[in-house]
All heavy atoms as atom14 arrays in JSON, in Angstrom:
{
  "sequence": "LYDAVLATPIGPGEVALGEVGWAVLRGALYAIAFMLVMLALGLLHTP",
  "atom14_mask": [
    [1, 1, 1, 1, 1, 1, 1, 1, 0, 0, 0, 0, 0, 0],
    [1, 1, 1, 1, 1, 1, 1, 1, 1, 1, 1, 1, 0, 0],
    [1, 1, 1, 1, 1, 1, 1, 1, 0, 0, 0, 0, 0, 0],
    [1, 1, 1, 1, 1, 0, 0, 0, 0, 0, 0, 0, 0, 0],
    [1, 1, 1, 1, 1, 1, 1, 0, 0, 0, 0, 0, 0, 0],
    [1, 1, 1, 1, 1, 1, 1, 1, 0, 0, 0, 0, 0, 0],
    [1, 1, 1, 1, 1, 0, 0, 0, 0, 0, 0, 0, 0, 0],
    [1, 1, 1, 1, 1, 1, 1, 0, 0, 0, 0, 0, 0, 0],
    [1, 1, 1, 1, 1, 1, 1, 0, 0, 0, 0, 0, 0, 0],
    [1, 1, 1, 1, 1, 1, 1, 1, 0, 0, 0, 0, 0, 0],
    [1, 1, 1, 1, 0, 0, 0, 0, 0, 0, 0, 0, 0, 0],
    [1, 1, 1, 1, 1, 1, 1, 0, 0, 0, 0, 0, 0, 0],
    [1, 1, 1, 1, 0, 0, 0, 0, 0, 0, 0, 0, 0, 0],
    [1, 1, 1, 1, 1, 1, 1, 1, 1, 0, 0, 0, 0, 0],
    [1, 1, 1, 1, 1, 1, 1, 0, 0, 0, 0, 0, 0, 0],
    [1, 1, 1, 1, 1, 0, 0, 0, 0, 0, 0, 0, 0, 0],
    [1, 1, 1, 1, 1, 1, 1, 1, 0, 0, 0, 0, 0, 0],
    [1, 1, 1, 1, 0, 0, 0, 0, 0, 0, 0, 0, 0, 0],
    [1, 1, 1, 1, 1, 1, 1, 1, 1, 0, 0, 0, 0, 0],
    [1, 1, 1, 1, 1, 1, 1, 0, 0, 0, 0, 0, 0, 0],
    [1, 1, 1, 1, 0, 0, 0, 0, 0, 0, 0, 0, 0, 0],
    [1, 1, 1, 1, 1, 1, 1, 1, 1, 1, 1, 1, 1, 1],
    [1, 1, 1, 1, 1, 0, 0, 0, 0, 0, 0, 0, 0, 0],
    [1, 1, 1, 1, 1, 1, 1, 0, 0, 0, 0, 0, 0, 0],
    [1, 1, 1, 1, 1, 1, 1, 1, 0, 0, 0, 0, 0, 0],
    [1, 1, 1, 1, 1, 1, 1, 1, 1, 1, 1, 0, 0, 0],
    [1, 1, 1, 1, 0, 0, 0, 0, 0, 0, 0, 0, 0, 0],
    [1, 1, 1, 1, 1, 0, 0, 0, 0, 0, 0, 0, 0, 0],
    [1, 1, 1, 1, 1, 1, 1, 1, 0, 0, 0, 0, 0, 0],
    [1, 1, 1, 1, 1, 1, 1, 1, 1, 1, 1, 1, 0, 0],
    [1, 1, 1, 1, 1, 0, 0, 0, 0, 0, 0, 0, 0, 0],
    [1, 1, 1, 1, 1, 1, 1, 1, 0, 0, 0, 0, 0, 0],
    [1, 1, 1, 1, 1, 0, 0, 0, 0, 0, 0, 0, 0, 0],
    [1, 1, 1, 1, 1, 1, 1, 1, 1, 1, 1, 0, 0, 0],
    [1, 1, 1, 1, 1, 1, 1, 1, 0, 0, 0, 0, 0, 0],
    [1, 1, 1, 1, 1, 1, 1, 1, 0, 0, 0, 0, 0, 0],
    [1, 1, 1, 1, 1, 1, 1, 0, 0, 0, 0, 0, 0, 0],
    [1, 1, 1, 1, 1, 1, 1, 1, 0, 0, 0, 0, 0, 0],
    [1, 1, 1, 1, 1, 1, 1, 1, 0, 0, 0, 0, 0, 0],
    [1, 1, 1, 1, 1, 0, 0, 0, 0, 0, 0, 0, 0, 0],
    [1, 1, 1, 1, 1, 1, 1, 1, 0, 0, 0, 0, 0, 0],
    [1, 1, 1, 1, 0, 0, 0, 0, 0, 0, 0, 0, 0, 0],
    [1, 1, 1, 1, 1, 1, 1, 1, 0, 0, 0, 0, 0, 0],
    [1, 1, 1, 1, 1, 1, 1, 1, 0, 0, 0, 0, 0, 0],
    [1, 1, 1, 1, 1, 1, 1, 1, 1, 1, 0, 0, 0, 0],
    [1, 1, 1, 1, 1, 1, 1, 0, 0, 0, 0, 0, 0, 0],
    [1, 1, 1, 1, 1, 1, 1, 0, 0, 0, 0, 0, 0, 0]
  ],
  "atom14_positions": [
    [[20.9, 2.61, -30.32], [19.68, 2.85, -29.57], [19.6, 4.27, -29.07], [18.52, 4.92, -29.1], [19.6, 1.88, -28.37], [18.47, 2.12, -27.36], [17.14, 1.88, -28.01], [18.68, 1.24, -26.12], [0.0, 0.0, 0.0], [0.0, 0.0, 0.0], [0.0, 0.0, 0.0], [0.0, 0.0, 0.0], [0.0, 0.0, 0.0], [0.0, 0.0, 0.0]],
    [[20.71, 4.83, -28.62], [20.67, 6.14, -27.99], [20.41, 7.27, -28.99], [19.9, 8.32, -28.63], [21.95, 6.4, -27.21], [22.24, 5.29, -26.22], [23.5, 4.64, -26.19], [21.26, 4.88, -25.32], [23.74, 3.64, -25.3], [21.51, 3.88, -24.42], [22.72, 3.22, -24.43], [22.97, 2.2, -23.52], [0.0, 0.0, 0.0], [0.0, 0.0, 0.0]],
    [[20.75, 7.04, -30.27], [20.4, 8.03, -31.28], [18.88, 8.17, -31.38], [18.33, 9.29, -31.54], [20.95, 7.62, -32.64], [22.47, 7.67, -32.65], [23.03, 8.39, -31.81], [23.08, 7.03, -33.53], [0.0, 0.0, 0.0], [0.0, 0.0, 0.0], [0.0, 0.0, 0.0], [0.0, 0.0, 0.0], [0.0, 0.0, 0.0], [0.0, 0.0, 0.0]],
    [[18.18, 7.03, -31.27], [16.71, 7.06, -31.32], [16.16, 7.64, -30.04], [15.19, 8.41, -30.07], [16.18, 5.63, -31.52], [0.0, 0.0, 0.0], [0.0, 0.0, 0.0], [0.0, 0.0, 0.0], [0.0, 0.0, 0.0], [0.0, 0.0, 0.0], [0.0, 0.0, 0.0], [0.0, 0.0, 0.0], [0.0, 0.0, 0.0], [0.0, 0.0, 0.0]],
    [[16.78, 7.33, -28.91], [16.28, 7.84, -27.62], [16.38, 9.34, -27.56], [15.47, 10.02, -27.11], [17.09, 7.2, -26.48], [16.79, 7.91, -25.14], [16.76, 5.72, -26.35], [0.0, 0.0, 0.0], [0.0, 0.0, 0.0], [0.0, 0.0, 0.0], [0.0, 0.0, 0.0], [0.0, 0.0, 0.0], [0.0, 0.0, 0.0], [0.0, 0.0, 0.0]],
    [[17.48, 9.91, -28.09], [17.67, 11.34, -28.04], [16.77, 12.1, -29.03], [16.72, 13.33, -29.0], [19.12, 11.7, -28.3], [20.09, 11.33, -27.15], [21.5, 11.75, -27.5], [19.65, 11.95, -25.84], [0.0, 0.0, 0.0], [0.0, 0.0, 0.0], [0.0, 0.0, 0.0], [0.0, 0.0, 0.0], [0.0, 0.0, 0.0], [0.0, 0.0, 0.0]],
    [[16.04, 11.35, -29.87], [15.05, 12.0, -30.74], [13.77, 12.3, -29.96], [12.88, 12.95, -30.45], [14.73, 11.1, -31.93], [0.0, 0.0, 0.0], [0.0, 0.0, 0.0], [0.0, 0.0, 0.0], [0.0, 0.0, 0.0], [0.0, 0.0, 0.0], [0.0, 0.0, 0.0], [0.0, 0.0, 0.0], [0.0, 0.0, 0.0], [0.0, 0.0, 0.0]],
    [[13.71, 11.82, -28.7], [12.61, 12.08, -27.79], [13.07, 13.16, -26.79], [14.21, 13.61, -26.85], [12.22, 10.8, -27.05], [13.25, 10.5, -26.09], [12.12, 9.62, -28.01], [0.0, 0.0, 0.0], [0.0, 0.0, 0.0], [0.0, 0.0, 0.0], [0.0, 0.0, 0.0], [0.0, 0.0, 0.0], [0.0, 0.0, 0.0], [0.0, 0.0, 0.0]],
    [[12.21, 13.58, -25.89], [12.61, 14.55, -24.88], [13.62, 14.04, -23.87], [14.03, 14.78, -22.97], [11.3, 14.95, -24.19], [10.24, 14.62, -25.18], [10.73, 13.41, -25.89], [0.0, 0.0, 0.0], [0.0, 0.0, 0.0], [0.0, 0.0, 0.0], [0.0, 0.0, 0.0], [0.0, 0.0, 0.0], [0.0, 0.0, 0.0], [0.0, 0.0, 0.0]],
    [[14.04, 12.78, -23.96], [15.0, 12.23, -23.0], [16.39, 12.75, -23.29], [16.84, 12.78, -24.45], [14.98, 10.68, -23.06], [13.6, 10.15, -22.68], [16.05, 10.09, -22.15], [13.46, 8.64, -22.8], [0.0, 0.0, 0.0], [0.0, 0.0, 0.0], [0.0, 0.0, 0.0], [0.0, 0.0, 0.0], [0.0, 0.0, 0.0], [0.0, 0.0, 0.0]],
    [[17.09, 13.2, -22.28], [18.43, 13.75, -22.45], [19.5, 12.72, -22.07], [19.22, 11.66, -21.54], [0.0, 0.0, 0.0], [0.0, 0.0, 0.0], [0.0, 0.0, 0.0], [0.0, 0.0, 0.0], [0.0, 0.0, 0.0], [0.0, 0.0, 0.0], [0.0, 0.0, 0.0], [0.0, 0.0, 0.0], [0.0, 0.0, 0.0], [0.0, 0.0, 0.0]],
    [[20.75, 13.02, -22.32], [21.85, 12.08, -22.1], [22.05, 11.74, -20.64], [22.43, 10.59, -20.31], [23.09, 12.81, -22.67], [22.71, 14.22, -22.71], [21.25, 14.27, -22.96], [0.0, 0.0, 0.0], [0.0, 0.0, 0.0], [0.0, 0.0, 0.0], [0.0, 0.0, 0.0], [0.0, 0.0, 0.0], [0.0, 0.0, 0.0], [0.0, 0.0, 0.0]],
    [[21.8, 12.7, -19.74], [21.91, 12.39, -18.33], [20.86, 11.37, -17.91], [21.13, 10.46, -17.08], [0.0, 0.0, 0.0], [0.0, 0.0, 0.0], [0.0, 0.0, 0.0], [0.0, 0.0, 0.0], [0.0, 0.0, 0.0], [0.0, 0.0, 0.0], [0.0, 0.0, 0.0], [0.0, 0.0, 0.0], [0.0, 0.0, 0.0], [0.0, 0.0, 0.0]],
    [[19.66, 11.48, -18.46], [18.61, 10.52, -18.19], [18.92, 9.15, -18.75], [18.58, 8.11, -18.19], [17.29, 11.03, -18.7], [16.79, 12.29, -18.0], [15.59, 12.91, -18.7], [15.77, 13.31, -19.85], [14.54, 13.02, -18.1], [0.0, 0.0, 0.0], [0.0, 0.0, 0.0], [0.0, 0.0, 0.0], [0.0, 0.0, 0.0], [0.0, 0.0, 0.0]],
    [[19.6, 9.14, -19.91], [20.05, 7.89, -20.49], [21.02, 7.19, -19.53], [20.9, 5.99, -19.26], [20.73, 8.11, -21.86], [21.41, 6.85, -22.34], [19.7, 8.59, -22.88], [0.0, 0.0, 0.0], [0.0, 0.0, 0.0], [0.0, 0.0, 0.0], [0.0, 0.0, 0.0], [0.0, 0.0, 0.0], [0.0, 0.0, 0.0], [0.0, 0.0, 0.0]],
    [[21.98, 7.95, -18.99], [22.95, 7.38, -18.05], [22.24, 6.81, -16.84], [22.51, 5.68, -16.38], [23.97, 8.43, -17.67], [0.0, 0.0, 0.0], [0.0, 0.0, 0.0], [0.0, 0.0, 0.0], [0.0, 0.0, 0.0], [0.0, 0.0, 0.0], [0.0, 0.0, 0.0], [0.0, 0.0, 0.0], [0.0, 0.0, 0.0], [0.0, 0.0, 0.0]],
    [[21.31, 7.6, -16.26], [20.61, 7.15, -15.07], [19.74, 5.94, -15.38], [19.64, 4.99, -14.57], [19.76, 8.27, -14.49], [18.98, 7.94, -13.22], [19.93, 7.55, -12.09], [18.11, 9.1, -12.76], [0.0, 0.0, 0.0], [0.0, 0.0, 0.0], [0.0, 0.0, 0.0], [0.0, 0.0, 0.0], [0.0, 0.0, 0.0], [0.0, 0.0, 0.0]],
    [[19.09, 5.93, -16.54], [18.27, 4.8, -16.92], [19.09, 3.52, -17.07], [18.66, 2.46, -16.62], [0.0, 0.0, 0.0], [0.0, 0.0, 0.0], [0.0, 0.0, 0.0], [0.0, 0.0, 0.0], [0.0, 0.0, 0.0], [0.0, 0.0, 0.0], [0.0, 0.0, 0.0], [0.0, 0.0, 0.0], [0.0, 0.0, 0.0], [0.0, 0.0, 0.0]],
    [[20.23, 3.63, -17.69], [21.08, 2.46, -17.86], [21.61, 1.95, -16.51], [21.65, 0.75, -16.26], [22.22, 2.76, -18.82], [21.82, 3.02, -20.25], [21.25, 1.75, -20.91], [21.07, 0.72, -20.25], [20.97, 1.82, -22.14], [0.0, 0.0, 0.0], [0.0, 0.0, 0.0], [0.0, 0.0, 0.0], [0.0, 0.0, 0.0], [0.0, 0.0, 0.0]],
    [[22.02, 2.88, -15.68], [22.45, 2.47, -14.35], [21.32, 1.86, -13.56], [21.46, 0.81, -12.91], [23.03, 3.68, -13.56], [23.26, 3.34, -12.1], [24.34, 4.15, -14.19], [0.0, 0.0, 0.0], [0.0, 0.0, 0.0], [0.0, 0.0, 0.0], [0.0, 0.0, 0.0], [0.0, 0.0, 0.0], [0.0, 0.0, 0.0], [0.0, 0.0, 0.0]],
    [[20.13, 2.46, -13.66], [18.96, 1.94, -12.97], [18.6, 0.52, -13.41], [18.26, -0.34, -12.56], [0.0, 0.0, 0.0], [0.0, 0.0, 0.0], [0.0, 0.0, 0.0], [0.0, 0.0, 0.0], [0.0, 0.0, 0.0], [0.0, 0.0, 0.0], [0.0, 0.0, 0.0], [0.0, 0.0, 0.0], [0.0, 0.0, 0.0], [0.0, 0.0, 0.0]],
    [[18.66, 0.28, -14.73], [18.35, -1.07, -15.2], [19.39, -2.07, -14.75], [19.05, -3.19, -14.33], [18.28, -1.07, -16.73], [18.12, -2.48, -17.26], [19.05, -3.19, -17.94], [16.98, -3.31, -17.15], [18.55, -4.41, -18.27], [17.27, -4.53, -17.79], [15.71, -3.15, -16.58], [16.38, -5.58, -17.86], [14.81, -4.2, -16.64], [15.15, -5.38, -17.26]],
    [[20.68, -1.7, -14.78], [21.71, -2.61, -14.31], [21.56, -2.91, -12.82], [21.77, -4.04, -12.36], [23.1, -1.99, -14.59], [0.0, 0.0, 0.0], [0.0, 0.0, 0.0], [0.0, 0.0, 0.0], [0.0, 0.0, 0.0], [0.0, 0.0, 0.0], [0.0, 0.0, 0.0], [0.0, 0.0, 0.0], [0.0, 0.0, 0.0], [0.0, 0.0, 0.0]],
    [[21.19, -1.89, -12.05], [20.94, -2.09, -10.61], [19.75, -3.05, -10.39], [19.81, -3.95, -9.54], [20.68, -0.77, -9.9], [20.18, -0.99, -8.47], [21.95, 0.09, -9.89], [0.0, 0.0, 0.0], [0.0, 0.0, 0.0], [0.0, 0.0, 0.0], [0.0, 0.0, 0.0], [0.0, 0.0, 0.0], [0.0, 0.0, 0.0], [0.0, 0.0, 0.0]],
    [[18.71, -2.9, -11.2], [17.57, -3.77, -11.07], [17.94, -5.2, -11.38], [17.52, -6.13, -10.68], [16.47, -3.29, -12.04], [15.17, -4.12, -12.06], [14.53, -4.12, -10.68], [14.2, -3.55, -13.09], [0.0, 0.0, 0.0], [0.0, 0.0, 0.0], [0.0, 0.0, 0.0], [0.0, 0.0, 0.0], [0.0, 0.0, 0.0], [0.0, 0.0, 0.0]],
    [[18.76, -5.38, -12.41], [19.2, -6.73, -12.74], [20.05, -7.3, -11.63], [19.91, -8.47, -11.25], [19.99, -6.72, -14.07], [20.41, -8.11, -14.54], [20.96, -8.05, -15.96], [21.38, -9.35, -16.41], [21.86, -9.63, -17.6], [21.95, -8.65, -18.52], [22.25, -10.82, -17.95], [0.0, 0.0, 0.0], [0.0, 0.0, 0.0], [0.0, 0.0, 0.0]],
    [[20.99, -6.53, -11.1], [21.79, -7.0, -9.96], [20.96, -7.34, -8.76], [21.21, -8.31, -8.05], [0.0, 0.0, 0.0], [0.0, 0.0, 0.0], [0.0, 0.0, 0.0], [0.0, 0.0, 0.0], [0.0, 0.0, 0.0], [0.0, 0.0, 0.0], [0.0, 0.0, 0.0], [0.0, 0.0, 0.0], [0.0, 0.0, 0.0], [0.0, 0.0, 0.0]],
    [[19.91, -6.53, -8.49], [19.03, -6.79, -7.36], [18.28, -8.12, -7.55], [18.09, -8.89, -6.59], [18.06, -5.65, -7.17], [0.0, 0.0, 0.0], [0.0, 0.0, 0.0], [0.0, 0.0, 0.0], [0.0, 0.0, 0.0], [0.0, 0.0, 0.0], [0.0, 0.0, 0.0], [0.0, 0.0, 0.0], [0.0, 0.0, 0.0], [0.0, 0.0, 0.0]],
    [[17.81, -8.37, -8.76], [17.11, -9.63, -9.02], [18.04, -10.83, -8.82], [17.63, -11.87, -8.27], [16.58, -9.63, -10.47], [15.41, -8.67, -10.72], [15.06, -8.64, -12.21], [14.2, -9.04, -9.9], [0.0, 0.0, 0.0], [0.0, 0.0, 0.0], [0.0, 0.0, 0.0], [0.0, 0.0, 0.0], [0.0, 0.0, 0.0], [0.0, 0.0, 0.0]],
    [[19.29, -10.71, -9.27], [20.27, -11.79, -9.03], [20.46, -12.02, -7.54], [20.51, -13.15, -7.08], [21.6, -11.42, -9.69], [21.69, -11.6, -11.17], [20.54, -11.75, -11.95], [22.91, -11.57, -11.83], [20.63, -11.9, -13.32], [23.01, -11.73, -13.2], [21.88, -11.88, -13.94], [21.94, -12.03, -15.3], [0.0, 0.0, 0.0], [0.0, 0.0, 0.0]],
    [[20.58, -10.91, -6.81], [20.81, -11.03, -5.36], [19.62, -11.65, -4.65], [19.81, -12.52, -3.76], [21.13, -9.64, -4.77], [0.0, 0.0, 0.0], [0.0, 0.0, 0.0], [0.0, 0.0, 0.0], [0.0, 0.0, 0.0], [0.0, 0.0, 0.0], [0.0, 0.0, 0.0], [0.0, 0.0, 0.0], [0.0, 0.0, 0.0], [0.0, 0.0, 0.0]],
    [[18.42, -11.25, -5.03], [17.23, -11.82, -4.4], [17.13, -13.32, -4.64], [16.83, -14.11, -3.75], [15.99, -11.07, -4.86], [15.95, -9.64, -4.31], [14.72, -11.8, -4.44], [14.88, -8.76, -4.91], [0.0, 0.0, 0.0], [0.0, 0.0, 0.0], [0.0, 0.0, 0.0], [0.0, 0.0, 0.0], [0.0, 0.0, 0.0], [0.0, 0.0, 0.0]],
    [[17.39, -13.7, -5.9], [17.35, -15.12, -6.25], [18.38, -15.9, -5.46], [18.11, -17.02, -4.93], [17.6, -15.29, -7.75], [0.0, 0.0, 0.0], [0.0, 0.0, 0.0], [0.0, 0.0, 0.0], [0.0, 0.0, 0.0], [0.0, 0.0, 0.0], [0.0, 0.0, 0.0], [0.0, 0.0, 0.0], [0.0, 0.0, 0.0], [0.0, 0.0, 0.0]],
    [[19.56, -15.34, -5.27], [20.61, -16.04, -4.53], [20.25, -16.08, -3.04], [20.53, -17.09, -2.36], [21.95, -15.32, -4.74], [23.14, -16.14, -4.27], [23.66, -17.15, -5.07], [23.7, -15.97, -3.03], [24.74, -17.92, -4.67], [24.78, -16.72, -2.6], [25.3, -17.7, -3.43], [0.0, 0.0, 0.0], [0.0, 0.0, 0.0], [0.0, 0.0, 0.0]],
    [[19.62, -15.05, -2.53], [19.18, -15.06, -1.12], [18.14, -16.17, -0.91], [18.15, -16.83, 0.15], [18.6, -13.72, -0.77], [19.6, -12.64, -0.46], [20.26, -12.74, 1.23], [18.86, -12.1, 2.15], [0.0, 0.0, 0.0], [0.0, 0.0, 0.0], [0.0, 0.0, 0.0], [0.0, 0.0, 0.0], [0.0, 0.0, 0.0], [0.0, 0.0, 0.0]],
    [[17.28, -16.41, -1.87], [16.3, -17.48, -1.74], [17.01, -18.84, -1.7], [16.58, -19.74, -0.95], [15.3, -17.42, -2.9], [14.37, -16.19, -2.9], [13.51, -16.21, -4.19], [13.49, -16.18, -1.66], [0.0, 0.0, 0.0], [0.0, 0.0, 0.0], [0.0, 0.0, 0.0], [0.0, 0.0, 0.0], [0.0, 0.0, 0.0], [0.0, 0.0, 0.0]],
    [[18.05, -18.98, -2.48], [18.84, -20.24, -2.43], [19.49, -20.4, -1.05], [19.46, -21.49, -0.46], [19.92, -20.23, -3.54], [20.87, -21.42, -3.35], [19.27, -20.26, -4.9], [0.0, 0.0, 0.0], [0.0, 0.0, 0.0], [0.0, 0.0, 0.0], [0.0, 0.0, 0.0], [0.0, 0.0, 0.0], [0.0, 0.0, 0.0], [0.0, 0.0, 0.0]],
    [[20.03, -19.3, -0.52], [20.64, -19.37, 0.82], [19.6, -19.75, 1.87], [19.88, -20.52, 2.76], [21.27, -18.01, 1.17], [22.49, -17.64, 0.32], [23.08, -15.96, 0.59], [23.47, -15.98, 2.34], [0.0, 0.0, 0.0], [0.0, 0.0, 0.0], [0.0, 0.0, 0.0], [0.0, 0.0, 0.0], [0.0, 0.0, 0.0], [0.0, 0.0, 0.0]],
    [[18.41, -19.19, 1.74], [17.34, -19.52, 2.65], [16.99, -21.01, 2.57], [16.8, -21.68, 3.59], [16.11, -18.67, 2.35], [14.87, -18.87, 3.25], [15.18, -18.5, 4.7], [13.7, -18.04, 2.74], [0.0, 0.0, 0.0], [0.0, 0.0, 0.0], [0.0, 0.0, 0.0], [0.0, 0.0, 0.0], [0.0, 0.0, 0.0], [0.0, 0.0, 0.0]],
    [[16.9, -21.52, 1.35], [16.57, -22.94, 1.15], [17.65, -23.85, 1.72], [17.32, -24.96, 2.18], [16.36, -23.23, -0.34], [0.0, 0.0, 0.0], [0.0, 0.0, 0.0], [0.0, 0.0, 0.0], [0.0, 0.0, 0.0], [0.0, 0.0, 0.0], [0.0, 0.0, 0.0], [0.0, 0.0, 0.0], [0.0, 0.0, 0.0], [0.0, 0.0, 0.0]],
    [[18.9, -23.41, 1.71], [20.03, -24.21, 2.22], [20.22, -24.0, 3.71], [21.15, -24.57, 4.29], [21.31, -23.87, 1.46], [21.35, -24.25, -0.02], [22.64, -23.78, -0.66], [21.19, -25.77, -0.19], [0.0, 0.0, 0.0], [0.0, 0.0, 0.0], [0.0, 0.0, 0.0], [0.0, 0.0, 0.0], [0.0, 0.0, 0.0], [0.0, 0.0, 0.0]],
    [[19.4, -23.21, 4.34], [19.52, -22.99, 5.76], [20.7, -22.14, 6.16], [21.3, -22.34, 7.24], [0.0, 0.0, 0.0], [0.0, 0.0, 0.0], [0.0, 0.0, 0.0], [0.0, 0.0, 0.0], [0.0, 0.0, 0.0], [0.0, 0.0, 0.0], [0.0, 0.0, 0.0], [0.0, 0.0, 0.0], [0.0, 0.0, 0.0], [0.0, 0.0, 0.0]],
    [[21.05, -21.16, 5.35], [22.21, -20.32, 5.61], [21.84, -18.94, 6.18], [22.71, -18.1, 6.35], [23.02, -20.12, 4.33], [23.57, -21.39, 3.69], [24.26, -21.11, 2.37], [24.53, -22.11, 4.65], [0.0, 0.0, 0.0], [0.0, 0.0, 0.0], [0.0, 0.0, 0.0], [0.0, 0.0, 0.0], [0.0, 0.0, 0.0], [0.0, 0.0, 0.0]],
    [[20.58, -18.72, 6.43], [20.11, -17.44, 7.0], [19.55, -17.7, 8.38], [18.56, -18.46, 8.53], [19.05, -16.81, 6.1], [19.47, -16.5, 4.66], [18.34, -15.91, 3.87], [20.68, -15.56, 4.61], [0.0, 0.0, 0.0], [0.0, 0.0, 0.0], [0.0, 0.0, 0.0], [0.0, 0.0, 0.0], [0.0, 0.0, 0.0], [0.0, 0.0, 0.0]],
    [[20.15, -17.06, 9.39], [19.76, -17.35, 10.77], [19.37, -16.11, 11.59], [19.12, -16.25, 12.76], [20.92, -18.06, 11.51], [21.46, -19.25, 10.78], [20.72, -20.42, 10.6], [22.65, -19.48, 10.15], [21.42, -21.3, 9.92], [22.6, -20.75, 9.64], [0.0, 0.0, 0.0], [0.0, 0.0, 0.0], [0.0, 0.0, 0.0], [0.0, 0.0, 0.0]],
    [[19.39, -14.94, 10.98], [19.16, -13.73, 11.73], [18.31, -12.75, 10.94], [18.44, -12.69, 9.7], [20.51, -13.06, 12.09], [20.26, -11.77, 12.65], [21.37, -12.9, 10.87], [0.0, 0.0, 0.0], [0.0, 0.0, 0.0], [0.0, 0.0, 0.0], [0.0, 0.0, 0.0], [0.0, 0.0, 0.0], [0.0, 0.0, 0.0], [0.0, 0.0, 0.0]],
    [[17.47, -11.98, 11.59], [16.69, -10.94, 10.9], [17.55, -9.89, 10.21], [17.09, -9.23, 9.27], [15.82, -10.33, 12.01], [15.77, -11.38, 13.09], [17.06, -12.06, 13.03], [0.0, 0.0, 0.0], [0.0, 0.0, 0.0], [0.0, 0.0, 0.0], [0.0, 0.0, 0.0], [0.0, 0.0, 0.0], [0.0, 0.0, 0.0], [0.0, 0.0, 0.0]]
  ]
}
């Protein structure tokens, strides 16, 4: 994939940040979903 990406104006540093950013987004989605489960189970009691 990255061979194709570097054929565009995107540089390797941006590739690294993009991959980290996507992984962070995925982790955040997992965390939000788990927080909703905690809320449903009555495990959240404070702002």
